[in-house]
């Protein structure tokens, strides 16, 4: 499900380190961290938050932003950003729920290697 109001920021990126932050309706919902070496980016981390907010100091609401398509939008933004920067390959290592991640990355055009590494060529 695609969410409206997703905004991405890339504050103070350096030549070899990239951080992209996702906001939904001005609420922080996740981030992606990458490192760059020449024309290859390594996806170090992509995370969609799962946090609580407090209402009236005694009532907490668990507000999950997972499984709403935000991670897909963030990954698509990462790929577009990499392409705009002349990056021709993105790679990383899937960690966590491997079956779910392998399916998710595979759905987004990544090759899944035996050692849980992921990679995708970015056409310019």
N, C-alpha and C. Protein backbone atom coordinates (compact mmCIF):
# COMPACT_ATOMS: atom_id res chain seq x y z
N UNK A 1 0.85 -1.17 0.00
CA UNK A 1 0.00 0.00 0.00
C UNK A 1 0.89 1.24 0.00
N UNK A 2 0.72 2.09 -0.98
CA UNK A 2 1.53 3.29 -1.08
C UNK A 2 0.96 4.38 -0.18
N UNK A 3 1.83 4.96 0.61
CA UNK A 3 1.42 6.02 1.53
C UNK A 3 1.66 7.38 0.90
N UNK A 4 0.76 8.29 1.14
CA UNK A 4 0.93 9.66 0.68
C UNK A 4 1.73 10.42 1.72
N UNK A 5 2.35 11.48 1.29
CA UNK A 5 3.03 12.35 2.22
C UNK A 5 4.41 11.88 2.65
N UNK A 6 5.03 10.96 1.91
CA UNK A 6 6.38 10.53 2.25
C UNK A 6 7.35 11.54 1.65
N UNK A 7 8.24 12.03 2.49
CA UNK A 7 9.24 13.01 2.08
C UNK A 7 10.60 12.45 2.46
N UNK A 8 11.59 12.67 1.60
CA UNK A 8 12.94 12.17 1.85
C UNK A 8 13.91 13.33 1.96
N UNK A 9 14.84 13.22 2.88
CA UNK A 9 15.90 14.21 3.03
C UNK A 9 17.24 13.49 3.06
N UNK A 10 18.24 14.13 2.52
CA UNK A 10 19.60 13.60 2.54
C UNK A 10 20.51 14.67 3.15
N UNK A 11 20.48 14.81 4.48
CA UNK A 11 21.22 15.90 5.12
C UNK A 11 22.72 15.67 5.14
N UNK A 12 23.46 16.67 4.74
CA UNK A 12 24.92 16.71 4.86
C UNK A 12 25.60 15.41 4.47
N UNK A 13 25.30 14.93 3.26
CA UNK A 13 25.98 13.74 2.78
C UNK A 13 27.41 14.09 2.42
N UNK A 14 28.28 13.14 2.64
CA UNK A 14 29.68 13.28 2.28
C UNK A 14 29.93 12.42 1.07
N UNK A 15 31.09 12.57 0.45
CA UNK A 15 31.39 11.82 -0.77
C UNK A 15 31.24 10.32 -0.59
N UNK A 16 31.61 9.80 0.57
CA UNK A 16 31.60 8.34 0.75
C UNK A 16 30.52 7.85 1.71
N UNK A 17 29.73 8.73 2.32
CA UNK A 17 28.67 8.33 3.25
C UNK A 17 27.37 9.05 2.87
N UNK A 18 26.30 8.29 2.77
CA UNK A 18 25.01 8.85 2.38
C UNK A 18 23.97 8.41 3.40
N UNK A 19 23.18 9.35 3.89
CA UNK A 19 22.05 9.03 4.78
C UNK A 19 20.81 9.65 4.17
N UNK A 20 19.79 8.84 4.00
CA UNK A 20 18.51 9.32 3.49
C UNK A 20 17.47 9.06 4.57
N UNK A 21 16.76 10.10 4.96
CA UNK A 21 15.78 10.00 6.04
C UNK A 21 14.38 10.15 5.44
N UNK A 22 13.46 9.29 5.89
CA UNK A 22 12.07 9.33 5.41
C UNK A 22 11.16 9.91 6.48
N UNK A 23 10.26 10.77 6.04
CA UNK A 23 9.25 11.37 6.92
C UNK A 23 7.88 11.16 6.30
N UNK A 24 6.90 10.90 7.13
CA UNK A 24 5.51 10.85 6.68
C UNK A 24 4.75 11.89 7.48
N UNK A 25 4.19 12.85 6.76
CA UNK A 25 3.46 13.95 7.42
C UNK A 25 4.30 14.57 8.54
N UNK A 26 5.56 14.84 8.25
CA UNK A 26 6.53 15.45 9.15
C UNK A 26 6.91 14.58 10.35
N UNK A 27 6.57 13.30 10.32
CA UNK A 27 6.98 12.36 11.37
C UNK A 27 8.08 11.46 10.82
N UNK A 28 9.17 11.35 11.55
CA UNK A 28 10.28 10.48 11.16
C UNK A 28 9.79 9.04 11.10
N UNK A 29 10.00 8.36 9.96
CA UNK A 29 9.52 6.98 9.82
C UNK A 29 10.62 5.99 9.45
N UNK A 30 11.80 6.46 9.05
CA UNK A 30 12.86 5.51 8.71
C UNK A 30 14.04 6.18 8.05
N UNK A 31 15.01 5.35 7.71
CA UNK A 31 16.23 5.86 7.10
C UNK A 31 16.94 4.77 6.30
N UNK A 32 17.86 5.20 5.47
CA UNK A 32 18.78 4.31 4.77
C UNK A 32 20.17 4.90 4.89
N UNK A 33 21.14 4.06 5.19
CA UNK A 33 22.55 4.46 5.25
C UNK A 33 23.30 3.72 4.16
N UNK A 34 24.13 4.46 3.43
CA UNK A 34 24.94 3.86 2.38
C UNK A 34 26.36 4.39 2.47
N UNK A 35 27.28 3.60 1.98
CA UNK A 35 28.63 4.08 1.77
C UNK A 35 28.92 3.95 0.28
N UNK A 36 29.85 4.78 -0.19
CA UNK A 36 30.16 4.78 -1.62
C UNK A 36 31.65 4.60 -1.83
N UNK A 37 31.97 3.76 -2.78
CA UNK A 37 33.35 3.58 -3.23
C UNK A 37 33.32 3.58 -4.75
N UNK A 38 33.85 4.62 -5.34
CA UNK A 38 33.81 4.80 -6.79
C UNK A 38 32.36 4.77 -7.27
N UNK A 39 32.02 3.82 -8.15
CA UNK A 39 30.66 3.76 -8.70
C UNK A 39 29.79 2.71 -8.04
N UNK A 40 30.19 2.23 -6.85
CA UNK A 40 29.43 1.22 -6.13
C UNK A 40 28.99 1.77 -4.79
N UNK A 41 27.71 1.57 -4.48
CA UNK A 41 27.18 1.95 -3.16
C UNK A 41 26.90 0.67 -2.38
N UNK A 42 27.23 0.70 -1.10
CA UNK A 42 26.90 -0.41 -0.21
C UNK A 42 25.78 0.05 0.71
N UNK A 43 24.67 -0.67 0.65
CA UNK A 43 23.54 -0.38 1.52
C UNK A 43 23.85 -0.97 2.88
N UNK A 44 24.24 -0.10 3.81
CA UNK A 44 24.63 -0.55 5.15
C UNK A 44 23.42 -0.86 6.01
N UNK A 45 22.34 -0.12 5.80
CA UNK A 45 21.17 -0.29 6.66
C UNK A 45 19.98 0.39 6.02
N UNK A 46 18.83 -0.25 6.08
CA UNK A 46 17.56 0.38 5.72
C UNK A 46 16.59 -0.02 6.82
N UNK A 47 15.93 0.96 7.40
CA UNK A 47 15.13 0.70 8.60
C UNK A 47 13.87 1.54 8.59
N UNK A 48 12.75 0.90 8.87
CA UNK A 48 11.49 1.59 9.06
C UNK A 48 11.15 1.49 10.54
N UNK A 49 10.90 2.62 11.16
CA UNK A 49 10.74 2.66 12.62
C UNK A 49 9.46 1.98 13.09
N UNK A 50 9.51 1.61 14.32
CA UNK A 50 8.40 0.95 14.99
C UNK A 50 8.41 1.50 16.42
N UNK A 51 7.85 2.68 16.63
CA UNK A 51 8.03 3.37 17.91
C UNK A 51 6.70 3.67 18.59
N UNK A 52 6.79 4.12 19.81
CA UNK A 52 5.61 4.51 20.59
C UNK A 52 5.58 6.02 20.74
N UNK A 53 4.39 6.57 20.83
CA UNK A 53 4.27 7.98 21.19
C UNK A 53 3.38 8.07 22.42
N UNK A 54 3.61 9.07 23.22
CA UNK A 54 2.88 9.21 24.48
C UNK A 54 1.79 10.25 24.33
N UNK A 55 0.61 9.89 24.79
CA UNK A 55 -0.53 10.81 24.81
C UNK A 55 -0.98 10.95 26.26
N UNK A 56 -1.06 12.17 26.76
CA UNK A 56 -1.50 12.47 28.13
C UNK A 56 -0.62 11.82 29.19
N UNK A 57 0.63 11.58 28.92
CA UNK A 57 1.63 11.05 29.84
C UNK A 57 1.32 9.66 30.40
N UNK A 58 0.13 9.15 30.25
CA UNK A 58 -0.18 7.84 30.82
C UNK A 58 -0.59 6.82 29.76
N UNK A 59 -0.78 7.27 28.54
CA UNK A 59 -1.29 6.38 27.51
C UNK A 59 -0.30 6.36 26.36
N UNK A 60 0.22 5.18 26.04
CA UNK A 60 1.15 5.05 24.92
C UNK A 60 0.46 4.35 23.76
N UNK A 61 0.70 4.84 22.58
CA UNK A 61 0.16 4.24 21.37
C UNK A 61 1.34 3.71 20.57
N UNK A 62 1.28 2.43 20.25
CA UNK A 62 2.33 1.84 19.42
C UNK A 62 2.00 2.18 17.97
N UNK A 63 2.89 2.89 17.35
CA UNK A 63 2.64 3.35 15.99
C UNK A 63 3.68 2.71 15.08
N UNK A 64 3.28 1.71 14.35
CA UNK A 64 4.20 1.03 13.45
C UNK A 64 4.06 1.58 12.04
N UNK A 65 5.18 1.85 11.43
CA UNK A 65 5.18 2.30 10.05
C UNK A 65 5.59 1.18 9.11
N UNK A 66 5.72 -0.03 9.64
CA UNK A 66 6.12 -1.17 8.83
C UNK A 66 4.92 -1.74 8.08
N UNK A 67 5.24 -2.42 6.98
CA UNK A 67 4.22 -3.08 6.15
C UNK A 67 3.19 -2.11 5.59
N UNK A 68 3.65 -0.90 5.29
CA UNK A 68 2.77 0.11 4.67
C UNK A 68 3.33 0.60 3.34
N UNK A 69 4.39 -0.03 2.86
CA UNK A 69 4.98 0.38 1.59
C UNK A 69 6.03 1.46 1.72
N UNK A 70 6.31 1.90 2.93
CA UNK A 70 7.29 2.98 3.14
C UNK A 70 8.69 2.49 2.81
N UNK A 71 9.03 1.27 3.20
CA UNK A 71 10.34 0.71 2.89
C UNK A 71 10.57 0.60 1.39
N UNK A 72 9.53 0.22 0.67
CA UNK A 72 9.63 0.14 -0.79
C UNK A 72 9.88 1.52 -1.38
N UNK A 73 9.15 2.51 -0.89
CA UNK A 73 9.36 3.87 -1.39
C UNK A 73 10.76 4.37 -1.05
N UNK A 74 11.23 4.03 0.15
CA UNK A 74 12.58 4.44 0.55
C UNK A 74 13.62 3.76 -0.33
N UNK A 75 13.47 2.46 -0.57
CA UNK A 75 14.42 1.75 -1.43
C UNK A 75 14.40 2.32 -2.84
N UNK A 76 13.22 2.60 -3.38
CA UNK A 76 13.13 3.21 -4.71
C UNK A 76 13.81 4.57 -4.75
N UNK A 77 13.66 5.34 -3.67
CA UNK A 77 14.33 6.64 -3.60
C UNK A 77 15.85 6.45 -3.56
N UNK A 78 16.31 5.47 -2.79
CA UNK A 78 17.75 5.17 -2.72
C UNK A 78 18.27 4.83 -4.11
N UNK A 79 17.56 3.98 -4.85
CA UNK A 79 18.00 3.60 -6.19
C UNK A 79 18.02 4.81 -7.13
N UNK A 80 17.01 5.66 -7.05
CA UNK A 80 16.98 6.88 -7.89
C UNK A 80 18.11 7.82 -7.52
N UNK A 81 18.35 7.97 -6.22
CA UNK A 81 19.43 8.84 -5.76
C UNK A 81 20.77 8.31 -6.27
N UNK A 82 20.99 7.01 -6.13
CA UNK A 82 22.24 6.42 -6.60
C UNK A 82 22.42 6.65 -8.09
N UNK A 83 21.37 6.44 -8.86
CA UNK A 83 21.44 6.66 -10.30
C UNK A 83 21.81 8.11 -10.61
N UNK A 84 21.21 9.06 -9.88
CA UNK A 84 21.49 10.48 -10.12
C UNK A 84 22.93 10.85 -9.77
N UNK A 85 23.58 10.04 -8.94
CA UNK A 85 24.95 10.30 -8.53
C UNK A 85 25.96 9.51 -9.37
N UNK A 86 25.50 8.83 -10.40
CA UNK A 86 26.40 8.07 -11.27
C UNK A 86 26.82 6.73 -10.70
N UNK A 87 26.14 6.27 -9.67
CA UNK A 87 26.44 4.96 -9.09
C UNK A 87 25.84 3.89 -9.99
N UNK A 88 26.63 2.88 -10.32
CA UNK A 88 26.18 1.85 -11.26
C UNK A 88 25.87 0.51 -10.60
N UNK A 89 26.20 0.37 -9.31
CA UNK A 89 25.91 -0.89 -8.62
C UNK A 89 25.63 -0.59 -7.15
N UNK A 90 24.64 -1.30 -6.60
CA UNK A 90 24.37 -1.21 -5.17
C UNK A 90 24.42 -2.63 -4.62
N UNK A 91 25.03 -2.76 -3.46
CA UNK A 91 25.17 -4.08 -2.85
C UNK A 91 24.98 -3.97 -1.35
N UNK A 92 24.84 -5.10 -0.70
CA UNK A 92 24.67 -5.12 0.75
C UNK A 92 24.55 -6.55 1.24
N UNK A 93 24.21 -6.70 2.51
CA UNK A 93 24.02 -8.01 3.12
C UNK A 93 22.65 -8.01 3.80
N UNK A 94 21.83 -9.00 3.48
CA UNK A 94 20.52 -9.14 4.13
C UNK A 94 20.72 -9.73 5.52
N UNK A 95 20.20 -9.03 6.53
CA UNK A 95 20.29 -9.50 7.91
C UNK A 95 18.92 -9.34 8.55
N UNK A 96 18.55 -10.30 9.35
CA UNK A 96 17.25 -10.27 10.00
C UNK A 96 16.43 -11.45 9.55
N UNK A 97 15.17 -11.22 9.24
CA UNK A 97 14.28 -12.27 8.73
C UNK A 97 14.66 -12.55 7.28
N UNK A 98 15.57 -13.50 7.08
CA UNK A 98 16.17 -13.70 5.76
C UNK A 98 15.17 -14.10 4.69
N UNK A 99 14.24 -14.96 5.01
CA UNK A 99 13.26 -15.37 3.99
C UNK A 99 12.44 -14.18 3.52
N UNK A 100 11.98 -13.37 4.46
CA UNK A 100 11.20 -12.18 4.12
C UNK A 100 12.05 -11.18 3.34
N UNK A 101 13.28 -10.97 3.79
CA UNK A 101 14.15 -10.00 3.11
C UNK A 101 14.55 -10.47 1.72
N UNK A 102 14.83 -11.75 1.57
CA UNK A 102 15.19 -12.27 0.24
C UNK A 102 14.03 -12.07 -0.74
N UNK A 103 12.82 -12.33 -0.28
CA UNK A 103 11.64 -12.11 -1.12
C UNK A 103 11.50 -10.63 -1.46
N UNK A 104 11.65 -9.77 -0.45
CA UNK A 104 11.48 -8.33 -0.66
C UNK A 104 12.52 -7.76 -1.61
N UNK A 105 13.79 -8.07 -1.36
CA UNK A 105 14.84 -7.56 -2.25
C UNK A 105 14.71 -8.15 -3.65
N UNK A 106 14.36 -9.44 -3.74
CA UNK A 106 14.17 -10.07 -5.04
C UNK A 106 13.06 -9.40 -5.83
N UNK A 107 11.98 -9.04 -5.15
CA UNK A 107 10.86 -8.35 -5.78
C UNK A 107 11.28 -6.99 -6.34
N UNK A 108 12.34 -6.43 -5.77
CA UNK A 108 12.81 -5.11 -6.20
C UNK A 108 14.03 -5.19 -7.11
N UNK A 109 14.24 -6.35 -7.72
CA UNK A 109 15.26 -6.48 -8.75
C UNK A 109 16.66 -6.81 -8.27
N UNK A 110 16.82 -7.12 -7.00
CA UNK A 110 18.14 -7.47 -6.48
C UNK A 110 18.43 -8.94 -6.73
N UNK A 111 19.69 -9.25 -6.97
CA UNK A 111 20.16 -10.62 -7.01
C UNK A 111 20.52 -11.02 -5.59
N UNK A 112 20.05 -12.19 -5.16
CA UNK A 112 20.35 -12.70 -3.82
C UNK A 112 21.40 -13.79 -3.98
N UNK A 113 22.53 -13.61 -3.33
CA UNK A 113 23.63 -14.56 -3.43
C UNK A 113 23.57 -15.55 -2.26
N UNK A 114 24.28 -16.67 -2.39
CA UNK A 114 24.25 -17.73 -1.38
C UNK A 114 24.63 -17.25 0.02
N UNK A 115 25.49 -16.27 0.12
CA UNK A 115 25.98 -15.80 1.42
C UNK A 115 25.14 -14.65 1.98
N UNK A 116 23.91 -14.51 1.49
CA UNK A 116 22.96 -13.46 1.90
C UNK A 116 23.36 -12.07 1.41
N UNK A 117 24.37 -12.00 0.54
CA UNK A 117 24.68 -10.72 -0.09
C UNK A 117 23.61 -10.42 -1.13
N UNK A 118 23.34 -9.14 -1.32
CA UNK A 118 22.39 -8.69 -2.32
C UNK A 118 23.11 -7.71 -3.24
N UNK A 119 22.69 -7.65 -4.49
CA UNK A 119 23.29 -6.67 -5.40
C UNK A 119 22.32 -6.36 -6.53
N UNK A 120 22.51 -5.19 -7.11
CA UNK A 120 21.73 -4.77 -8.26
C UNK A 120 22.56 -3.82 -9.10
N UNK A 121 22.58 -4.07 -10.40
CA UNK A 121 23.20 -3.14 -11.33
C UNK A 121 22.20 -2.02 -11.58
N UNK A 122 22.70 -0.79 -11.61
CA UNK A 122 21.84 0.37 -11.84
C UNK A 122 22.14 0.89 -13.24
N UNK A 123 21.15 0.81 -14.10
CA UNK A 123 21.34 1.28 -15.48
C UNK A 123 21.24 2.79 -15.51
N UNK A 124 22.19 3.39 -16.19
CA UNK A 124 22.22 4.86 -16.28
C UNK A 124 21.43 5.36 -17.46
